[in-house]
Amino acid sequence: MAVRQALSPGRTAVAAALLALAVAAPASSGPLPDDEARALLAALKSRDPDELRAALRHVRDARDARFTAPLVELLRAESIGIVADLDPDAVAGVLEALTGERHGGSWPAWVTWYAGTSLVPPPGFTGWKGELLSRIDERFGALLPTGAPARIRVEEIVWGGVPFEGIPAVDRPRSVAAEQADHLRDEEPVFGIAIHGEARAYPLRILDWHEMVNDWLGGIPVSLAYCTLCGAGIAYDRRAPDGVTYDFGSSGLLMRSNKLMVDRQTRSLWDQLSGRPVVGPLAEAADFRLRVLASVVTTWGDWRRRHPHTTALSLETGHVRQYEPGAAYGDYFAAPGTMFPVRPTPGLPPKTRVFGLERGDASAAWPVRALARAKLRNDRVGSLAVVLVAADGLIDVEGRSVRSGALRRYPAGAAVRAYRAGSHRFERVRRRGAEEVLVDAEGGEWRVGEDALERSDGQRLERLPGVQAYWFAWSIHHPGTELHGAGDEG
């Protein structure tokens, strides 16, 4: 339909653009012409309350469902105070008229509903959204420019509550030898990574505050990307398929409660759980993905027993934080709900910790509690036979939140390692000094290593890098995943 309701003269260029489009054509239920849709979209970010309200009336009259996405954005923008005086009930009324849904002014409800639709936004939406978010931090506009290539639905990107790199990465961190790491307690959780004989522990209570470490280990450039909201820490080789070694930070933006990383070389946004660029210059490249490196969530005591020559991330990060267990996110880790809206995830409660494996188009997940209870599991991911080892038990954390002051207790996962099983079936796991040994059905013994299962005759079964994450995050990213052992948690 044509825009027919004139705005007051003397307004902005946005108003002039709308007035220029006004023609005496009858209303239509189909999409607006692209030039008219762009002008109306521009009016929806006007800083003038009268223009904004007039634009809302035009959207209602147009009945163009593509404007659902910008209206959901306006609900959020109003709640954080980055648009002119706007009545959220008025926005909700237009949303309900466009969609037939009844979610009122609840931004989380609209976001959750929208994720399950196939709606598309009007032309120019990415740049419009970038300009709107630039009112929080002007650097957001550069992340979402007009015409930016995207492999995800840009309308599902949300602001995470911090500015660009407001959660600072730790770059080229200082580490200390195990015997000098008197800041660590045996029972506390760490991410353990070993590459080419060099081992390092990254305490979760430090990573809770930084969520990203750009490091070198065993001669390999490594980024340990930790999403506190989805409970997943993943080690990536920073050398990408294009031959460039990238440095990463936290963009301040999320999608489905999963952090979007940003590389400092091209300012592309990357999906933390997949290691793929999803918006920006690198998003155009097919099959562009970082290599996942094997890591494990374990305790400092267990990691040090396995790797007596390990180093550990120092408290001297260049930042002043309260590096204590639970201080940053204890309230969230202990709560059953998510901080940002996500769609329902059948099968398990959303924040159940799972261990996930992906091999080609196949993926599978196991509740961590069930794996720790079983200690050893023979299973499959698609057609691939695997064995999972989790003999060290669950890791629980107790700490005081700096936000609420409350003492919180929460699970941090367990040491789960996965390997190709080949034609072998494993019967039990036993300890031999600081090591674990798997015994196969023929009585053969295999040492549990960070790179592989190793038998005394030189046979090796490759380690498979897996991910510990909350169920909602894994299942949303892997909608066809197979869930194993859901009834074995106890």
Protein backbone atom coordinates (compact mmCIF):
# COMPACT_ATOMS: atom_id res chain seq x y z
CA MET A 1 0.00 0.00 0.00
CA ALA A 2 1.07 3.61 -0.35
CA VAL A 3 1.88 5.83 2.57
CA ARG A 4 -0.98 8.30 2.72
CA GLN A 5 -0.90 9.77 6.20
CA ALA A 6 1.18 12.93 6.07
CA LEU A 7 3.63 13.81 8.80
CA SER A 8 4.01 17.32 10.13
CA PRO A 9 5.98 19.59 7.82
CA GLY A 10 9.45 20.69 8.80
CA ARG A 11 10.46 17.34 10.21
CA THR A 12 13.53 15.30 9.23
CA ALA A 13 14.70 13.83 5.95
CA VAL A 14 13.00 10.63 7.08
CA ALA A 15 9.63 12.38 7.12
CA ALA A 16 10.35 13.90 3.72
CA ALA A 17 11.09 10.47 2.31
CA LEU A 18 7.80 9.14 3.61
CA LEU A 19 5.87 12.07 2.22
CA ALA A 20 7.50 11.63 -1.17
CA LEU A 21 6.12 8.12 -1.33
CA ALA A 22 2.54 9.12 -0.60
CA VAL A 23 0.23 8.33 -3.49
CA ALA A 24 -3.48 7.85 -3.73
CA ALA A 25 -3.35 4.10 -4.21
CA PRO A 26 -5.68 1.66 -2.46
CA ALA A 27 -4.48 -0.38 0.52
CA SER A 28 -2.93 -3.76 -0.27
CA SER A 29 -2.28 -6.80 1.90
CA GLY A 30 0.91 -7.69 0.01
CA PRO A 31 4.47 -6.52 0.77
CA LEU A 32 5.24 -2.87 0.26
CA PRO A 33 7.41 -1.87 -2.69
CA ASP A 34 11.06 -1.98 -1.62
CA ASP A 35 11.63 1.78 -1.80
CA GLU A 36 8.57 2.42 0.33
CA ALA A 37 9.58 -0.31 2.79
CA ARG A 38 13.03 1.23 3.18
CA ALA A 39 11.60 4.68 3.86
CA LEU A 40 9.17 3.30 6.41
CA LEU A 41 11.98 1.33 8.06
CA ALA A 42 14.04 4.51 8.32
CA ALA A 43 11.12 6.26 9.97
CA LEU A 44 10.95 3.53 12.62
CA LYS A 45 14.29 4.64 14.02
CA SER A 46 13.41 8.32 14.07
CA ARG A 47 14.43 10.17 17.21
CA ASP A 48 11.27 12.29 16.89
CA PRO A 49 8.39 10.72 18.89
CA ASP A 50 5.72 12.07 16.53
CA GLU A 51 7.43 10.64 13.47
CA LEU A 52 7.92 7.33 15.20
CA ARG A 53 4.28 7.09 16.19
CA ALA A 54 3.21 8.03 12.66
CA ALA A 55 5.49 5.31 11.25
CA LEU A 56 3.85 2.77 13.55
CA ARG A 57 0.46 3.74 12.17
CA HIS A 58 1.78 3.27 8.64
CA VAL A 59 3.10 -0.18 9.54
CA ARG A 60 -0.29 -1.16 10.95
CA ASP A 61 -2.04 0.06 7.80
CA ALA A 62 0.46 -1.65 5.49
CA ARG A 63 -0.01 -5.10 7.03
CA ASP A 64 3.41 -6.08 5.73
CA ALA A 65 4.54 -8.97 7.97
CA ARG A 66 8.20 -8.23 7.17
CA PHE A 67 7.98 -5.40 9.71
CA THR A 68 7.56 -7.89 12.54
CA ALA A 69 11.32 -8.00 13.08
CA PRO A 70 11.87 -4.23 13.40
CA LEU A 71 8.91 -3.94 15.76
CA VAL A 72 10.40 -6.63 18.01
CA GLU A 73 13.63 -4.59 17.92
CA LEU A 74 11.71 -1.51 18.99
CA LEU A 75 10.32 -3.30 22.03
CA ARG A 76 13.86 -4.06 23.16
CA ALA A 77 15.11 -0.59 22.22
CA GLU A 78 12.35 1.01 24.27
CA SER A 79 13.15 -1.14 27.30
CA ILE A 80 16.80 -0.05 27.29
CA GLY A 81 16.02 3.59 26.49
CA ILE A 82 17.60 4.04 23.05
CA VAL A 83 14.50 5.23 21.17
CA ALA A 84 12.40 8.33 21.56
CA ASP A 85 9.46 8.25 23.96
CA LEU A 86 7.50 5.23 22.80
CA ASP A 87 4.61 3.30 24.27
CA PRO A 88 5.48 -0.43 24.24
CA ASP A 89 1.79 -1.27 24.28
CA ALA A 90 1.40 0.62 21.00
CA VAL A 91 4.24 -1.40 19.45
CA ALA A 92 2.73 -4.61 20.82
CA GLY A 93 -0.64 -3.69 19.34
CA VAL A 94 0.85 -3.35 15.88
CA LEU A 95 2.77 -6.60 16.29
CA GLU A 96 -0.40 -8.41 17.25
CA ALA A 97 -2.26 -6.90 14.30
CA LEU A 98 0.48 -8.05 11.89
CA THR A 99 0.92 -11.57 13.25
CA GLY A 100 -2.26 -12.60 15.03
CA GLU A 101 -0.09 -13.53 18.03
CA ARG A 102 -0.84 -12.33 21.56
CA HIS A 103 2.38 -11.66 23.45
CA GLY A 104 1.65 -8.12 24.60
CA GLY A 105 4.72 -6.03 25.33
CA SER A 106 6.89 -9.01 26.33
CA TRP A 107 10.07 -8.74 24.29
CA PRO A 108 11.34 -12.20 25.40
CA ALA A 109 8.07 -13.83 24.33
CA TRP A 110 8.21 -12.19 20.89
CA VAL A 111 11.88 -13.17 20.42
CA THR A 112 11.14 -16.78 21.34
CA TRP A 113 8.14 -16.91 19.03
CA TYR A 114 9.97 -15.24 16.13
CA ALA A 115 12.78 -17.84 16.27
CA GLY A 116 10.26 -20.49 15.29
CA THR A 117 8.96 -18.61 12.25
CA SER A 118 10.21 -18.29 8.69
CA LEU A 119 9.53 -14.56 8.53
CA VAL A 120 12.04 -12.29 6.79
CA PRO A 121 12.70 -8.61 7.54
CA PRO A 122 12.24 -5.72 5.09
CA PRO A 123 15.12 -4.71 2.79
CA GLY A 124 17.85 -2.72 4.51
CA PHE A 125 17.14 -4.29 7.90
CA THR A 126 20.74 -5.22 8.76
CA GLY A 127 22.03 -1.66 8.41
CA TRP A 128 18.93 -0.30 10.17
CA LYS A 129 19.56 -2.59 13.10
CA GLY A 130 23.24 -1.67 13.17
CA GLU A 131 22.36 2.03 13.30
CA LEU A 132 19.89 1.41 16.11
CA LEU A 133 22.44 -0.57 18.15
CA SER A 134 25.08 2.08 17.49
CA ARG A 135 23.16 4.26 19.95
CA ILE A 136 24.53 1.89 22.60
CA ASP A 137 28.03 1.68 21.12
CA GLU A 138 28.90 3.18 17.74
CA ARG A 139 31.08 0.14 16.97
CA PHE A 140 27.98 -2.05 16.73
CA GLY A 141 27.03 -0.17 13.57
CA ALA A 142 30.27 -1.30 11.92
CA LEU A 143 29.46 -4.92 12.75
CA LEU A 144 26.06 -4.73 11.05
CA PRO A 145 26.43 -2.46 8.03
CA THR A 146 23.96 -2.30 5.19
CA GLY A 147 24.49 -5.19 2.82
CA ALA A 148 26.64 -7.23 5.21
CA PRO A 149 26.77 -10.90 4.15
CA ALA A 150 25.03 -13.09 6.73
CA ARG A 151 24.69 -16.84 7.28
CA ILE A 152 22.27 -16.41 10.18
CA ARG A 153 19.06 -14.45 10.72
CA VAL A 154 20.33 -11.04 11.70
CA GLU A 155 16.95 -10.28 13.29
CA GLU A 156 17.76 -12.88 16.00
CA ILE A 157 20.94 -11.08 17.07
CA VAL A 158 20.43 -9.34 20.41
CA TRP A 159 22.49 -7.02 22.54
CA GLY A 160 24.11 -8.85 25.45
CA GLY A 161 24.18 -5.94 27.88
CA VAL A 162 27.84 -4.90 27.41
CA PRO A 163 29.62 -2.67 24.85
CA PHE A 164 31.87 -3.96 22.09
CA GLU A 165 34.62 -6.02 23.77
CA GLY A 166 33.14 -4.87 27.08
CA ILE A 167 34.09 -8.33 28.32
CA PRO A 168 37.83 -8.01 27.67
CA ALA A 169 39.77 -10.91 26.20
CA VAL A 170 43.07 -11.96 27.73
CA ASP A 171 45.71 -11.65 25.02
CA ARG A 172 49.04 -13.46 25.22
CA PRO A 173 48.36 -14.30 28.85
CA ARG A 174 50.95 -14.79 31.52
CA SER A 175 51.18 -18.33 32.84
CA VAL A 176 53.03 -19.83 35.80
CA ALA A 177 54.47 -23.26 36.50
CA ALA A 178 52.32 -25.69 38.47
CA GLU A 179 54.43 -25.37 41.62
CA GLN A 180 53.98 -21.58 41.53
CA ALA A 181 50.21 -21.70 40.99
CA ASP A 182 49.37 -21.25 44.66
CA HIS A 183 46.27 -19.28 43.63
CA LEU A 184 44.60 -22.52 42.53
CA ARG A 185 42.83 -25.08 44.70
CA ASP A 186 42.82 -28.76 43.81
CA GLU A 187 39.03 -29.00 43.67
CA GLU A 188 38.38 -25.99 41.42
CA PRO A 189 37.43 -26.38 37.73
CA VAL A 190 39.81 -25.56 34.91
CA PHE A 191 39.87 -25.97 31.16
CA GLY A 192 42.80 -28.22 30.36
CA ILE A 193 44.54 -28.16 26.97
CA ALA A 194 47.65 -30.11 25.92
CA ILE A 195 49.26 -29.63 22.50
CA HIS A 196 52.52 -31.16 21.29
CA GLY A 197 53.54 -32.02 24.85
CA GLU A 198 52.79 -28.58 26.33
CA ALA A 199 49.93 -28.47 28.83
CA ARG A 200 48.11 -25.50 30.33
CA ALA A 201 45.20 -25.02 32.71
CA TYR A 202 42.77 -22.12 32.39
CA PRO A 203 40.78 -21.61 35.62
CA LEU A 204 37.07 -21.09 35.00
CA ARG A 205 36.90 -18.42 37.70
CA ILE A 206 39.25 -16.28 35.59
CA LEU A 207 37.56 -17.14 32.29
CA ASP A 208 34.16 -16.24 33.81
CA TRP A 209 35.27 -12.61 33.65
CA HIS A 210 36.97 -12.66 30.24
CA GLU A 211 35.36 -15.40 28.12
CA MET A 212 38.20 -15.34 25.60
CA VAL A 213 41.92 -16.09 25.72
CA ASN A 214 44.19 -15.61 22.71
CA ASP A 215 47.24 -17.73 23.47
CA TRP A 216 50.00 -19.88 21.98
CA LEU A 217 50.43 -23.48 23.13
CA GLY A 218 52.67 -26.15 21.68
CA GLY A 219 53.51 -23.80 18.82
CA ILE A 220 49.83 -23.44 17.88
CA PRO A 221 47.87 -20.15 18.09
CA VAL A 222 44.87 -20.95 20.28
CA SER A 223 41.67 -19.13 21.18
CA LEU A 224 39.80 -20.51 24.15
CA ALA A 225 36.28 -19.19 23.58
CA TYR A 226 34.03 -19.48 26.62
CA CYS A 227 30.34 -18.63 26.53
CA THR A 228 29.18 -18.34 30.13
CA LEU A 229 25.54 -18.02 29.05
CA CYS A 230 25.54 -21.37 27.25
CA GLY A 231 28.10 -23.08 29.50
CA ALA A 232 30.50 -23.95 26.67
CA GLY A 233 34.25 -23.52 26.48
CA ILE A 234 35.83 -24.45 23.14
CA ALA A 235 39.48 -24.32 22.11
CA TYR A 236 40.06 -23.25 18.51
CA ASP A 237 43.14 -23.16 16.31
CA ARG A 238 43.23 -19.47 15.32
CA ARG A 239 44.69 -20.30 11.90
CA ALA A 240 41.74 -20.11 9.52
CA PRO A 241 41.36 -21.75 6.10
CA ASP A 242 42.39 -18.50 4.38
CA GLY A 243 45.85 -18.74 5.99
CA VAL A 244 45.27 -15.82 8.38
CA THR A 245 45.81 -16.19 12.13
CA TYR A 246 42.92 -14.33 13.74
CA ASP A 247 42.61 -12.69 17.15
CA PHE A 248 39.21 -12.87 18.77
CA GLY A 249 37.16 -10.89 21.25
CA SER A 250 33.60 -10.80 22.52
CA SER A 251 31.40 -8.63 20.31
CA GLY A 252 28.82 -7.81 22.99
CA LEU A 253 26.15 -9.39 20.77
CA LEU A 254 24.37 -12.72 21.15
CA MET A 255 22.23 -15.09 19.14
CA ARG A 256 19.91 -17.49 20.96
CA SER A 257 21.82 -16.81 24.19
CA ASN A 258 25.12 -17.80 22.57
CA LYS A 259 27.93 -15.29 22.28
CA LEU A 260 29.03 -13.97 18.92
CA MET A 261 32.77 -13.67 18.76
CA VAL A 262 34.43 -11.01 16.63
CA ASP A 263 37.77 -11.17 14.88
CA ARG A 264 39.90 -8.06 15.08
CA GLN A 265 41.21 -8.35 11.55
CA THR A 266 37.95 -8.07 9.57
CA ARG A 267 35.35 -7.34 12.29
CA SER A 268 33.31 -10.34 11.18
CA LEU A 269 31.00 -11.94 13.71
CA TRP A 270 31.58 -15.63 14.49
CA ASP A 271 29.35 -18.24 16.08
CA GLN A 272 31.12 -19.41 19.24
CA LEU A 273 29.69 -22.93 19.19
CA SER A 274 30.54 -23.72 15.57
CA GLY A 275 33.66 -21.63 14.92
CA ARG A 276 32.11 -20.24 11.73
CA PRO A 277 31.95 -16.59 10.60
CA VAL A 278 28.26 -15.71 10.35
CA VAL A 279 28.03 -11.96 9.60
CA GLY A 280 30.52 -9.73 7.83
CA PRO A 281 33.24 -10.05 5.20
CA LEU A 282 34.21 -13.64 6.05
CA ALA A 283 30.64 -14.93 6.09
CA GLU A 284 30.66 -15.21 2.29
CA ALA A 285 33.32 -17.94 2.31
CA ALA A 286 31.93 -21.46 1.95
CA ASP A 287 33.06 -24.09 4.49
CA PHE A 288 35.06 -21.48 6.41
CA ARG A 289 35.51 -22.91 9.89
CA LEU A 290 38.09 -22.94 12.66
CA ARG A 291 39.56 -26.27 13.74
CA VAL A 292 38.42 -27.43 17.17
CA LEU A 293 41.20 -28.53 19.51
CA ALA A 294 40.75 -31.12 22.24
CA SER A 295 40.13 -29.66 25.69
CA VAL A 296 38.62 -30.93 28.90
CA VAL A 297 36.75 -29.50 31.89
CA THR A 298 38.51 -30.97 34.91
CA THR A 299 39.83 -30.01 38.33
CA TRP A 300 43.19 -28.41 38.89
CA GLY A 301 44.22 -31.34 41.10
CA ASP A 302 43.37 -33.98 38.48
CA TRP A 303 44.94 -31.99 35.64
CA ARG A 304 48.16 -31.47 37.60
CA ARG A 305 48.39 -35.16 38.49
CA ARG A 306 48.11 -36.06 34.81
CA HIS A 307 50.42 -33.25 33.69
CA PRO A 308 52.95 -32.48 36.44
CA HIS A 309 54.79 -30.05 34.17
CA THR A 310 51.68 -28.08 33.25
CA THR A 311 51.45 -24.32 33.46
CA ALA A 312 48.41 -22.39 34.61
CA LEU A 313 46.90 -19.04 33.68
CA SER A 314 48.12 -16.40 36.10
CA LEU A 315 45.92 -14.00 38.02
CA GLU A 316 47.96 -11.20 36.45
CA THR A 317 45.70 -10.70 33.46
CA GLY A 318 46.14 -6.94 33.11
CA HIS A 319 42.64 -6.44 34.53
CA VAL A 320 41.29 -5.98 38.04
CA ARG A 321 38.55 -8.49 38.82
CA GLN A 322 37.38 -10.53 41.77
CA TYR A 323 38.78 -13.82 40.56
CA GLU A 324 36.88 -16.08 42.93
CA PRO A 325 34.63 -19.06 42.17
CA GLY A 326 31.06 -17.97 41.48
CA ALA A 327 31.86 -14.27 41.73
CA ALA A 328 30.93 -13.35 38.15
CA TYR A 329 28.12 -15.77 37.24
CA GLY A 330 27.34 -17.84 40.32
CA ASP A 331 23.74 -16.60 40.37
CA TYR A 332 23.22 -17.60 36.74
CA PHE A 333 24.99 -20.94 36.97
CA ALA A 334 22.88 -21.93 39.96
CA ALA A 335 19.55 -20.84 38.43
CA PRO A 336 17.39 -23.06 36.19
CA GLY A 337 16.52 -20.34 33.67
CA THR A 338 18.42 -18.53 30.92
CA MET A 339 19.33 -14.86 31.01
CA PHE A 340 18.15 -14.22 27.44
CA PRO A 341 15.18 -15.74 25.63
CA VAL A 342 15.56 -19.09 23.87
CA ARG A 343 12.96 -21.34 22.39
CA PRO A 344 11.89 -24.48 24.31
CA THR A 345 14.27 -27.45 24.14
CA PRO A 346 12.46 -30.79 24.56
CA GLY A 347 14.31 -33.78 25.96
CA LEU A 348 16.06 -32.22 28.95
CA PRO A 349 15.77 -29.12 31.15
CA PRO A 350 17.43 -26.27 29.22
CA LYS A 351 20.47 -25.86 31.49
CA THR A 352 21.31 -29.54 31.83
CA ARG A 353 25.01 -29.91 31.11
CA VAL A 354 25.66 -32.21 28.15
CA PHE A 355 28.70 -33.44 26.29
CA GLY A 356 28.25 -33.09 22.53
CA LEU A 357 30.05 -34.60 19.56
CA GLU A 358 29.67 -33.67 15.91
CA ARG A 359 30.94 -35.74 13.01
CA GLY A 360 29.95 -34.49 9.58
CA ASP A 361 26.17 -34.17 9.44
CA ALA A 362 25.64 -36.34 12.53
CA SER A 363 25.67 -35.13 16.13
CA ALA A 364 24.93 -36.62 19.52
CA ALA A 365 24.80 -35.46 23.13
CA TRP A 366 24.95 -37.15 26.51
CA PRO A 367 24.01 -35.69 29.92
CA VAL A 368 27.28 -35.15 31.76
CA ARG A 369 25.81 -36.47 35.01
CA ALA A 370 24.91 -39.76 33.29
CA LEU A 371 28.41 -40.11 31.83
CA ALA A 372 30.03 -39.45 35.21
CA ARG A 373 27.77 -42.05 36.79
CA ALA A 374 28.65 -44.67 34.14
CA LYS A 375 32.36 -43.69 33.93
CA LEU A 376 32.63 -45.46 30.55
CA ARG A 377 30.25 -45.62 27.59
CA ASN A 378 30.45 -47.29 24.19
CA ASP A 379 28.20 -45.51 21.70
CA ARG A 380 27.88 -44.08 18.21
CA VAL A 381 27.67 -40.71 16.50
CA GLY A 382 25.91 -41.53 13.27
CA SER A 383 27.92 -44.42 11.83
CA LEU A 384 31.04 -43.69 13.90
CA ALA A 385 31.74 -45.93 16.91
CA VAL A 386 32.98 -43.91 19.89
CA VAL A 387 33.95 -44.49 23.50
CA LEU A 388 33.49 -41.83 26.20
CA VAL A 389 35.43 -41.77 29.46
CA ALA A 390 34.34 -39.78 32.52
CA ALA A 391 35.88 -41.53 35.51
CA ASP A 392 36.76 -38.54 37.69
CA GLY A 393 33.23 -37.69 38.82
CA LEU A 394 31.23 -34.48 38.79
CA ILE A 395 32.74 -31.09 39.60
CA ASP A 396 30.75 -28.89 41.96
CA VAL A 397 31.60 -25.28 42.74
CA GLU A 398 30.67 -23.17 45.74
CA GLY A 399 31.25 -19.44 45.71
CA ARG A 400 29.79 -16.07 46.52
CA SER A 401 28.25 -13.89 43.82
CA VAL A 402 29.43 -10.29 43.62
CA ARG A 403 26.02 -9.31 42.30
CA SER A 404 23.69 -10.79 44.91
CA GLY A 405 26.17 -11.48 47.68
CA ALA A 406 24.62 -14.94 47.98
CA LEU A 407 26.61 -18.13 48.43
CA ARG A 408 25.89 -20.30 45.39
CA ARG A 409 26.56 -23.96 44.67
CA TYR A 410 26.39 -25.23 41.10
CA PRO A 411 27.74 -28.00 38.83
CA ALA A 412 30.62 -27.14 36.50
CA GLY A 413 30.60 -30.37 34.50
CA ALA A 414 32.98 -33.32 34.53
CA ALA A 415 36.14 -34.52 32.81
CA VAL A 416 34.76 -36.21 29.68
CA ARG A 417 37.05 -37.41 26.91
CA ALA A 418 35.84 -39.08 23.71
CA TYR A 419 37.75 -41.28 21.27
CA ARG A 420 37.19 -43.25 18.10
CA ALA A 421 36.48 -46.82 19.13
CA GLY A 422 37.18 -48.53 15.82
CA SER A 423 36.22 -52.18 16.09
CA HIS A 424 36.91 -52.27 19.83
CA ARG A 425 34.45 -52.49 22.67
CA PHE A 426 35.63 -51.36 26.07
CA GLU A 427 34.56 -53.07 29.28
CA ARG A 428 35.94 -51.08 32.17
CA VAL A 429 38.19 -48.22 33.24
CA ARG A 430 40.73 -48.43 36.02
CA ARG A 431 43.43 -46.22 37.48
CA ARG A 432 47.13 -46.89 37.20
CA GLY A 433 48.92 -44.25 39.20
CA ALA A 434 48.00 -40.82 37.84
CA GLU A 435 46.70 -42.37 34.62
CA GLU A 436 43.47 -44.04 33.56
CA VAL A 437 43.47 -47.24 31.57
CA LEU A 438 40.64 -48.68 29.49
CA VAL A 439 40.34 -52.45 29.22
CA ASP A 440 38.78 -53.74 26.01
CA ALA A 441 36.74 -56.91 25.55
CA GLU A 442 39.88 -58.94 24.70
CA GLY A 443 41.69 -57.75 27.83
CA GLY A 444 43.87 -55.22 26.02
CA GLU A 445 44.84 -52.12 27.98
CA TRP A 446 44.72 -48.63 26.55
CA ARG A 447 46.16 -45.54 28.23
CA VAL A 448 43.78 -42.58 28.30
CA GLY A 449 45.75 -39.68 26.81
CA GLU A 450 44.94 -36.15 25.72
CA ASP A 451 45.60 -36.98 22.05
CA ALA A 452 44.52 -40.62 21.83
CA LEU A 453 43.94 -43.96 23.50
CA GLU A 454 47.29 -45.76 23.28
CA ARG A 455 47.97 -49.48 23.55
CA SER A 456 51.36 -50.88 24.51
CA ASP A 457 51.84 -52.31 21.00
CA GLY A 458 51.63 -48.82 19.49
CA GLN A 459 47.99 -48.85 18.35
CA ARG A 460 46.22 -45.51 18.75
CA LEU A 461 42.60 -44.44 18.73
CA GLU A 462 42.18 -40.74 17.97
CA ARG A 463 40.72 -38.28 20.48
CA LEU A 464 37.55 -36.59 19.28
CA PRO A 465 37.15 -32.94 20.35
CA GLY A 466 33.81 -32.55 22.10
CA VAL A 467 31.92 -29.71 23.73
CA GLN A 468 30.35 -29.42 27.16
CA ALA A 469 27.42 -27.02 27.01
CA TYR A 470 23.94 -26.43 28.32
CA TRP A 471 21.39 -28.58 26.52
CA PHE A 472 19.49 -25.57 25.14
CA ALA A 473 22.61 -24.30 23.37
CA TRP A 474 23.69 -27.64 21.93
CA SER A 475 20.21 -28.67 20.79
CA ILE A 476 19.43 -25.30 19.16
CA HIS A 477 22.68 -25.41 17.20
CA HIS A 478 22.20 -29.09 16.34
CA PRO A 479 18.43 -29.48 15.84
CA GLY A 480 18.77 -33.07 14.60
CA THR A 481 21.07 -34.20 17.39
CA GLU A 482 20.60 -37.62 18.97
CA LEU A 483 20.21 -37.52 22.74
CA HIS A 484 21.72 -40.56 24.48
CA GLY A 485 21.42 -41.56 28.12
CA ALA A 486 18.72 -39.05 29.03
CA GLY A 487 17.15 -41.60 31.39
CA ASP A 488 20.45 -42.48 33.08
CA GLU A 489 21.03 -39.31 35.09
CA GLY A 490 19.52 -40.70 38.26
